[in-house]
Amino acid sequence: MIQKVLPQSCPEIPHQMKANNPPVGGVMSLDDGAHYFAENRKTNKVVNHQSLKDLVDNFDLPKDVADRLRGA
């Protein structure tokens, strides 16, 4: 025996996210957003430059090769 059931509409319940803290500043500019949330933040790295003359003394090189590298 087959029974036909009339379609019923399901009431839609809107999903609301509860915020623990209300927004303080409101709208943020694109530059501020890029500053705080960018993946690649600009950093100032200090580059340590070493001269070739300083590096030659760390290796056991023949005297004539070391003199050529030092520029003597």
PDB file of N, CA and C in Angstrom:
ATOM      1  N   MET A   1       0.846  -1.162   0.000  1.00  0.00           N
ATOM      2  CA  MET A   1       0.000   0.000   0.000  1.00  0.00           C
ATOM      3  C   MET A   1       0.905   1.242   0.000  1.00  0.00           C
ATOM      4  N   ILE A   2       0.650   2.169  -0.862  1.00  0.00           N
ATOM      5  CA  ILE A   2       1.435   3.396  -1.002  1.00  0.00           C
ATOM      6  C   ILE A   2       0.619   4.557  -0.456  1.00  0.00           C
ATOM      7  N   GLN A   3       1.249   5.320   0.399  1.00  0.00           N
ATOM      8  CA  GLN A   3       0.589   6.495   0.966  1.00  0.00           C
ATOM      9  C   GLN A   3       1.289   7.737   0.448  1.00  0.00           C
ATOM     10  N   LYS A   4       0.537   8.712   0.008  1.00  0.00           N
ATOM     11  CA  LYS A   4       1.124   9.970  -0.448  1.00  0.00           C
ATOM     12  C   LYS A   4       1.071  10.966   0.697  1.00  0.00           C
ATOM     13  N   VAL A   5       2.237  11.575   0.950  1.00  0.00           N
ATOM     14  CA  VAL A   5       2.335  12.567   2.014  1.00  0.00           C
ATOM     15  C   VAL A   5       2.543  13.922   1.351  1.00  0.00           C
ATOM     16  N   LEU A   6       1.787  14.891   1.783  1.00  0.00           N
ATOM     17  CA  LEU A   6       1.921  16.227   1.218  1.00  0.00           C
ATOM     18  C   LEU A   6       3.255  16.843   1.650  1.00  0.00           C
ATOM     19  N   PRO A   7       3.911  17.600   0.745  1.00  0.00           N
ATOM     20  CA  PRO A   7       5.193  18.219   1.106  1.00  0.00           C
ATOM     21  C   PRO A   7       5.011  19.267   2.198  1.00  0.00           C
ATOM     22  N   GLN A   8       5.956  19.271   3.105  1.00  0.00           N
ATOM     23  CA  GLN A   8       5.920  20.241   4.194  1.00  0.00           C
ATOM     24  C   GLN A   8       7.136  21.153   4.083  1.00  0.00           C
ATOM     25  N   SER A   9       6.938  22.399   4.361  1.00  0.00           N
ATOM     26  CA  SER A   9       8.065  23.331   4.295  1.00  0.00           C
ATOM     27  C   SER A   9       8.762  23.380   5.647  1.00  0.00           C
ATOM     28  N   CYS A  10      10.079  23.319   5.601  1.00  0.00           N
ATOM     29  CA  CYS A  10      10.871  23.400   6.829  1.00  0.00           C
ATOM     30  C   CYS A  10      11.156  24.872   7.112  1.00  0.00           C
ATOM     31  N   PRO A  11      10.934  25.290   8.326  1.00  0.00           N
ATOM     32  CA  PRO A  11      11.256  26.691   8.639  1.00  0.00           C
ATOM     33  C   PRO A  11      12.774  26.880   8.652  1.00  0.00           C
ATOM     34  N   GLU A  12      13.261  27.925   7.964  1.00  0.00           N
ATOM     35  CA  GLU A  12      14.695  28.197   7.922  1.00  0.00           C
ATOM     36  C   GLU A  12      15.105  28.955   9.164  1.00  0.00           C
ATOM     37  N   ILE A  13      16.114  28.439   9.824  1.00  0.00           N
ATOM     38  CA  ILE A  13      16.638  29.089  11.017  1.00  0.00           C
ATOM     39  C   ILE A  13      17.920  29.810  10.607  1.00  0.00           C
ATOM     40  N   PRO A  14      17.950  31.131  10.700  1.00  0.00           N
ATOM     41  CA  PRO A  14      19.183  31.843  10.314  1.00  0.00           C
ATOM     42  C   PRO A  14      20.292  31.578  11.321  1.00  0.00           C
ATOM     43  N   HIS A  15      21.469  31.280  10.802  1.00  0.00           N
ATOM     44  CA  HIS A  15      22.616  31.026  11.660  1.00  0.00           C
ATOM     45  C   HIS A  15      23.279  32.355  11.989  1.00  0.00           C
ATOM     46  N   GLN A  16      23.448  32.630  13.238  1.00  0.00           N
ATOM     47  CA  GLN A  16      24.079  33.860  13.674  1.00  0.00           C
ATOM     48  C   GLN A  16      25.319  33.534  14.480  1.00  0.00           C
ATOM     49  N   MET A  17      26.390  34.213  14.143  1.00  0.00           N
ATOM     50  CA  MET A  17      27.624  34.040  14.906  1.00  0.00           C
ATOM     51  C   MET A  17      27.628  35.055  16.037  1.00  0.00           C
ATOM     52  N   LYS A  18      27.925  34.575  17.205  1.00  0.00           N
ATOM     53  CA  LYS A  18      27.991  35.466  18.346  1.00  0.00           C
ATOM     54  C   LYS A  18      29.411  35.983  18.476  1.00  0.00           C
ATOM     55  N   ALA A  19      29.528  37.282  18.525  1.00  0.00           N
ATOM     56  CA  ALA A  19      30.841  37.902  18.671  1.00  0.00           C
ATOM     57  C   ALA A  19      31.127  38.117  20.147  1.00  0.00           C
ATOM     58  N   ASN A  20      32.294  37.657  20.569  1.00  0.00           N
ATOM     59  CA  ASN A  20      32.680  37.854  21.965  1.00  0.00           C
ATOM     60  C   ASN A  20      33.016  39.317  22.235  1.00  0.00           C
ATOM     61  N   ASN A  21      33.681  39.928  21.271  1.00  0.00           N
ATOM     62  CA  ASN A  21      34.076  41.324  21.422  1.00  0.00           C
ATOM     63  C   ASN A  21      33.468  42.133  20.279  1.00  0.00           C
ATOM     64  N   PRO A  22      32.858  43.244  20.565  1.00  0.00           N
ATOM     65  CA  PRO A  22      32.319  44.061  19.484  1.00  0.00           C
ATOM     66  C   PRO A  22      33.455  44.711  18.697  1.00  0.00           C
ATOM     67  N   PRO A  23      33.258  45.012  17.416  1.00  0.00           N
ATOM     68  CA  PRO A  23      34.318  45.652  16.630  1.00  0.00           C
ATOM     69  C   PRO A  23      34.636  47.029  17.198  1.00  0.00           C
ATOM     70  N   VAL A  24      35.914  47.274  17.385  1.00  0.00           N
ATOM     71  CA  VAL A  24      36.328  48.516  18.029  1.00  0.00           C
ATOM     72  C   VAL A  24      36.521  49.628  17.019  1.00  0.00           C
ATOM     73  N   GLY A  25      37.348  49.384  16.008  1.00  0.00           N
ATOM     74  CA  GLY A  25      37.720  50.449  15.087  1.00  0.00           C
ATOM     75  C   GLY A  25      36.796  50.589  13.909  1.00  0.00           C
ATOM     76  N   GLY A  26      36.018  49.594  13.633  1.00  0.00           N
ATOM     77  CA  GLY A  26      35.153  49.662  12.463  1.00  0.00           C
ATOM     78  C   GLY A  26      35.891  49.264  11.207  1.00  0.00           C
ATOM     79  N   VAL A  27      35.908  50.146  10.229  1.00  0.00           N
ATOM     80  CA  VAL A  27      36.469  49.837   8.912  1.00  0.00           C
ATOM     81  C   VAL A  27      37.964  50.112   8.912  1.00  0.00           C
ATOM     82  N   MET A  28      38.719  49.201   8.323  1.00  0.00           N
ATOM     83  CA  MET A  28      40.161  49.339   8.220  1.00  0.00           C
ATOM     84  C   MET A  28      40.513  49.627   6.766  1.00  0.00           C
ATOM     85  N   SER A  29      41.475  50.496   6.534  1.00  0.00           N
ATOM     86  CA  SER A  29      41.876  50.810   5.165  1.00  0.00           C
ATOM     87  C   SER A  29      42.657  49.637   4.577  1.00  0.00           C
ATOM     88  N   LEU A  30      42.829  49.636   3.262  1.00  0.00           N
ATOM     89  CA  LEU A  30      43.563  48.553   2.602  1.00  0.00           C
ATOM     90  C   LEU A  30      45.022  48.529   3.043  1.00  0.00           C
ATOM     91  N   ASP A  31      45.612  49.713   3.230  1.00  0.00           N
ATOM     92  CA  ASP A  31      47.009  49.759   3.669  1.00  0.00           C
ATOM     93  C   ASP A  31      47.166  49.198   5.086  1.00  0.00           C
ATOM     94  N   ASP A  32      46.211  49.534   5.963  1.00  0.00           N
ATOM     95  CA  ASP A  32      46.279  48.999   7.321  1.00  0.00           C
ATOM     96  C   ASP A  32      46.084  47.488   7.317  1.00  0.00           C
ATOM     97  N   GLY A  33      45.169  47.002   6.504  1.00  0.00           N
ATOM     98  CA  GLY A  33      44.945  45.566   6.416  1.00  0.00           C
ATOM     99  C   GLY A  33      46.160  44.837   5.888  1.00  0.00           C
ATOM    100  N   ALA A  34      46.821  45.429   4.881  1.00  0.00           N
ATOM    101  CA  ALA A  34      48.027  44.807   4.335  1.00  0.00           C
ATOM    102  C   ALA A  34      49.147  44.816   5.365  1.00  0.00           C
ATOM    103  N   HIS A  35      49.185  45.866   6.184  1.00  0.00           N
ATOM    104  CA  HIS A  35      50.239  45.940   7.205  1.00  0.00           C
ATOM    105  C   HIS A  35      50.044  44.871   8.275  1.00  0.00           C
ATOM    106  N   TYR A  36      48.828  44.691   8.744  1.00  0.00           N
ATOM    107  CA  TYR A  36      48.590  43.771   9.851  1.00  0.00           C
ATOM    108  C   TYR A  36      48.396  42.324   9.420  1.00  0.00           C
ATOM    109  N   PHE A  37      47.840  42.087   8.229  1.00  0.00           N
ATOM    110  CA  PHE A  37      47.456  40.730   7.851  1.00  0.00           C
ATOM    111  C   PHE A  37      48.160  40.197   6.611  1.00  0.00           C
ATOM    112  N   ALA A  38      49.152  40.882   6.109  1.00  0.00           N
ATOM    113  CA  ALA A  38      49.843  40.420   4.900  1.00  0.00           C
ATOM    114  C   ALA A  38      50.714  39.215   5.222  1.00  0.00           C
ATOM    115  N   GLU A  39      50.859  38.326   4.244  1.00  0.00           N
ATOM    116  CA  GLU A  39      51.687  37.143   4.453  1.00  0.00           C
ATOM    117  C   GLU A  39      53.169  37.496   4.410  1.00  0.00           C
ATOM    118  N   ASN A  40      53.511  38.424   3.555  1.00  0.00           N
ATOM    119  CA  ASN A  40      54.908  38.818   3.408  1.00  0.00           C
ATOM    120  C   ASN A  40      55.075  40.239   3.919  1.00  0.00           C
ATOM    121  N   ARG A  41      55.326  40.357   5.189  1.00  0.00           N
ATOM    122  CA  ARG A  41      55.550  41.678   5.757  1.00  0.00           C
ATOM    123  C   ARG A  41      56.945  42.144   5.387  1.00  0.00           C
ATOM    124  N   LYS A  42      57.073  43.433   5.189  1.00  0.00           N
ATOM    125  CA  LYS A  42      58.375  43.984   4.853  1.00  0.00           C
ATOM    126  C   LYS A  42      59.224  44.029   6.114  1.00  0.00           C
ATOM    127  N   THR A  43      60.389  43.430   6.040  1.00  0.00           N
ATOM    128  CA  THR A  43      61.305  43.443   7.168  1.00  0.00           C
ATOM    129  C   THR A  43      62.632  44.013   6.707  1.00  0.00           C
ATOM    130  N   ASN A  44      63.289  44.688   7.580  1.00  0.00           N
ATOM    131  CA  ASN A  44      64.598  45.245   7.276  1.00  0.00           C
ATOM    132  C   ASN A  44      65.652  44.294   7.815  1.00  0.00           C
ATOM    133  N   LYS A  45      66.210  43.505   6.925  1.00  0.00           N
ATOM    134  CA  LYS A  45      67.238  42.556   7.327  1.00  0.00           C
ATOM    135  C   LYS A  45      68.604  43.212   7.211  1.00  0.00           C
ATOM    136  N   VAL A  46      69.417  42.985   8.201  1.00  0.00           N
ATOM    137  CA  VAL A  46      70.770  43.521   8.197  1.00  0.00           C
ATOM    138  C   VAL A  46      71.646  42.539   7.438  1.00  0.00           C
ATOM    139  N   VAL A  47      72.272  43.028   6.384  1.00  0.00           N
ATOM    140  CA  VAL A  47      73.130  42.182   5.566  1.00  0.00           C
ATOM    141  C   VAL A  47      74.550  42.334   6.073  1.00  0.00           C
ATOM    142  N   ASN A  48      75.167  41.220   6.394  1.00  0.00           N
ATOM    143  CA  ASN A  48      76.525  41.215   6.896  1.00  0.00           C
ATOM    144  C   ASN A  48      77.471  41.032   5.716  1.00  0.00           C
ATOM    145  N   HIS A  49      78.198  42.082   5.397  1.00  0.00           N
ATOM    146  CA  HIS A  49      79.137  42.017   4.271  1.00  0.00           C
ATOM    147  C   HIS A  49      80.508  41.609   4.785  1.00  0.00           C
ATOM    148  N   GLN A  50      81.077  40.596   4.160  1.00  0.00           N
ATOM    149  CA  GLN A  50      82.422  40.167   4.498  1.00  0.00           C
ATOM    150  C   GLN A  50      83.274  40.315   3.255  1.00  0.00           C
ATOM    151  N   SER A  51      84.425  40.840   3.454  1.00  0.00           N
ATOM    152  CA  SER A  51      85.310  41.001   2.308  1.00  0.00           C
ATOM    153  C   SER A  51      86.065  39.696   2.061  1.00  0.00           C
ATOM    154  N   LEU A  52      86.523  39.558   0.849  1.00  0.00           N
ATOM    155  CA  LEU A  52      87.249  38.348   0.464  1.00  0.00           C
ATOM    156  C   LEU A  52      88.572  38.256   1.220  1.00  0.00           C
ATOM    157  N   LYS A  53      89.133  39.429   1.562  1.00  0.00           N
ATOM    158  CA  LYS A  53      90.405  39.440   2.291  1.00  0.00           C
ATOM    159  C   LYS A  53      90.254  38.788   3.665  1.00  0.00           C
ATOM    160  N   ASP A  54      89.098  38.980   4.297  1.00  0.00           N
ATOM    161  CA  ASP A  54      88.877  38.374   5.616  1.00  0.00           C
ATOM    162  C   ASP A  54      88.632  36.869   5.515  1.00  0.00           C
ATOM    163  N   LEU A  55      88.031  36.417   4.440  1.00  0.00           N
ATOM    164  CA  LEU A  55      87.715  35.002   4.286  1.00  0.00           C
ATOM    165  C   LEU A  55      88.929  34.159   3.916  1.00  0.00           C
ATOM    166  N   VAL A  56      89.911  34.774   3.277  1.00  0.00           N
ATOM    167  CA  VAL A  56      91.084  34.022   2.828  1.00  0.00           C
ATOM    168  C   VAL A  56      91.841  33.447   4.016  1.00  0.00           C
ATOM    169  N   ASP A  57      91.864  34.169   5.129  1.00  0.00           N
ATOM    170  CA  ASP A  57      92.627  33.698   6.295  1.00  0.00           C
ATOM    171  C   ASP A  57      91.990  32.478   6.944  1.00  0.00           C
ATOM    172  N   ASN A  58      90.694  32.210   6.701  1.00  0.00           N
ATOM    173  CA  ASN A  58      90.020  31.066   7.315  1.00  0.00           C
ATOM    174  C   ASN A  58      90.372  29.733   6.660  1.00  0.00           C
ATOM    175  N   PHE A  59      90.946  29.780   5.469  1.00  0.00           N
ATOM    176  CA  PHE A  59      91.234  28.550   4.731  1.00  0.00           C
ATOM    177  C   PHE A  59      92.737  28.344   4.633  1.00  0.00           C
ATOM    178  N   ASP A  60      93.118  27.103   4.512  1.00  0.00           N
ATOM    179  CA  ASP A  60      94.533  26.753   4.389  1.00  0.00           C
ATOM    180  C   ASP A  60      94.892  26.728   2.912  1.00  0.00           C
ATOM    181  N   LEU A  61      95.168  27.920   2.367  1.00  0.00           N
ATOM    182  CA  LEU A  61      95.492  28.047   0.946  1.00  0.00           C
ATOM    183  C   LEU A  61      96.991  28.258   0.782  1.00  0.00           C
ATOM    184  N   PRO A  62      97.516  27.874  -0.372  1.00  0.00           N
ATOM    185  CA  PRO A  62      98.929  28.183  -0.639  1.00  0.00           C
ATOM    186  C   PRO A  62      99.159  29.697  -0.611  1.00  0.00           C
ATOM    187  N   LYS A  63     100.384  30.102  -0.289  1.00  0.00           N
ATOM    188  CA  LYS A  63     100.682  31.519  -0.099  1.00  0.00           C
ATOM    189  C   LYS A  63     100.453  32.326  -1.363  1.00  0.00           C
ATOM    190  N   ASP A  64     100.801  31.799  -2.529  1.00  0.00           N
ATOM    191  CA  ASP A  64     100.631  32.583  -3.763  1.00  0.00           C
ATOM    192  C   ASP A  64      99.155  32.763  -4.107  1.00  0.00           C
ATOM    193  N   VAL A  65      98.318  31.768  -3.843  1.00  0.00           N
ATOM    194  CA  VAL A  65      96.878  31.881  -4.105  1.00  0.00           C
ATOM    195  C   VAL A  65      96.250  32.875  -3.133  1.00  0.00           C
ATOM    196  N   ALA A  66      96.635  32.796  -1.860  1.00  0.00           N
ATOM    197  CA  ALA A  66      96.093  33.716  -0.868  1.00  0.00           C
ATOM    198  C   ALA A  66      96.493  35.149  -1.170  1.00  0.00           C
ATOM    199  N   ASP A  67      97.727  35.366  -1.641  1.00  0.00           N
ATOM    200  CA  ASP A  67      98.180  36.722  -1.976  1.00  0.00           C
ATOM    201  C   ASP A  67      97.399  37.268  -3.170  1.00  0.00           C
ATOM    202  N   ARG A  68      97.124  36.412  -4.150  1.00  0.00           N
ATOM    203  CA  ARG A  68      96.328  36.872  -5.314  1.00  0.00           C
ATOM    204  C   ARG A  68      94.913  37.252  -4.889  1.00  0.00           C
ATOM    205  N   LEU A  69      94.294  36.460  -4.000  1.00  0.00           N
ATOM    206  CA  LEU A  69      92.941  36.759  -3.551  1.00  0.00           C
ATOM    207  C   LEU A  69      92.893  38.022  -2.688  1.00  0.00           C
ATOM    208  N   ARG A  70      93.932  38.265  -1.915  1.00  0.00           N
ATOM    209  CA  ARG A  70      93.971  39.479  -1.110  1.00  0.00           C
ATOM    210  C   ARG A  70      94.229  40.710  -1.965  1.00  0.00           C
ATOM    211  N   GLY A  71      94.774  40.525  -3.124  1.00  0.00           N
ATOM    212  CA  GLY A  71      95.086  41.651  -3.998  1.00  0.00           C
ATOM    213  C   GLY A  71      96.462  42.211  -3.747  1.00  0.00           C
ATOM    214  N   ALA A  72      97.300  41.448  -3.108  1.00  0.00           N
ATOM    215  CA  ALA A  72      98.665  41.933  -2.812  1.00  0.00           C
ATOM    216  C   ALA A  72      99.571  41.670  -3.990  1.00  0.00           C
TER     217      ALA A  72
END
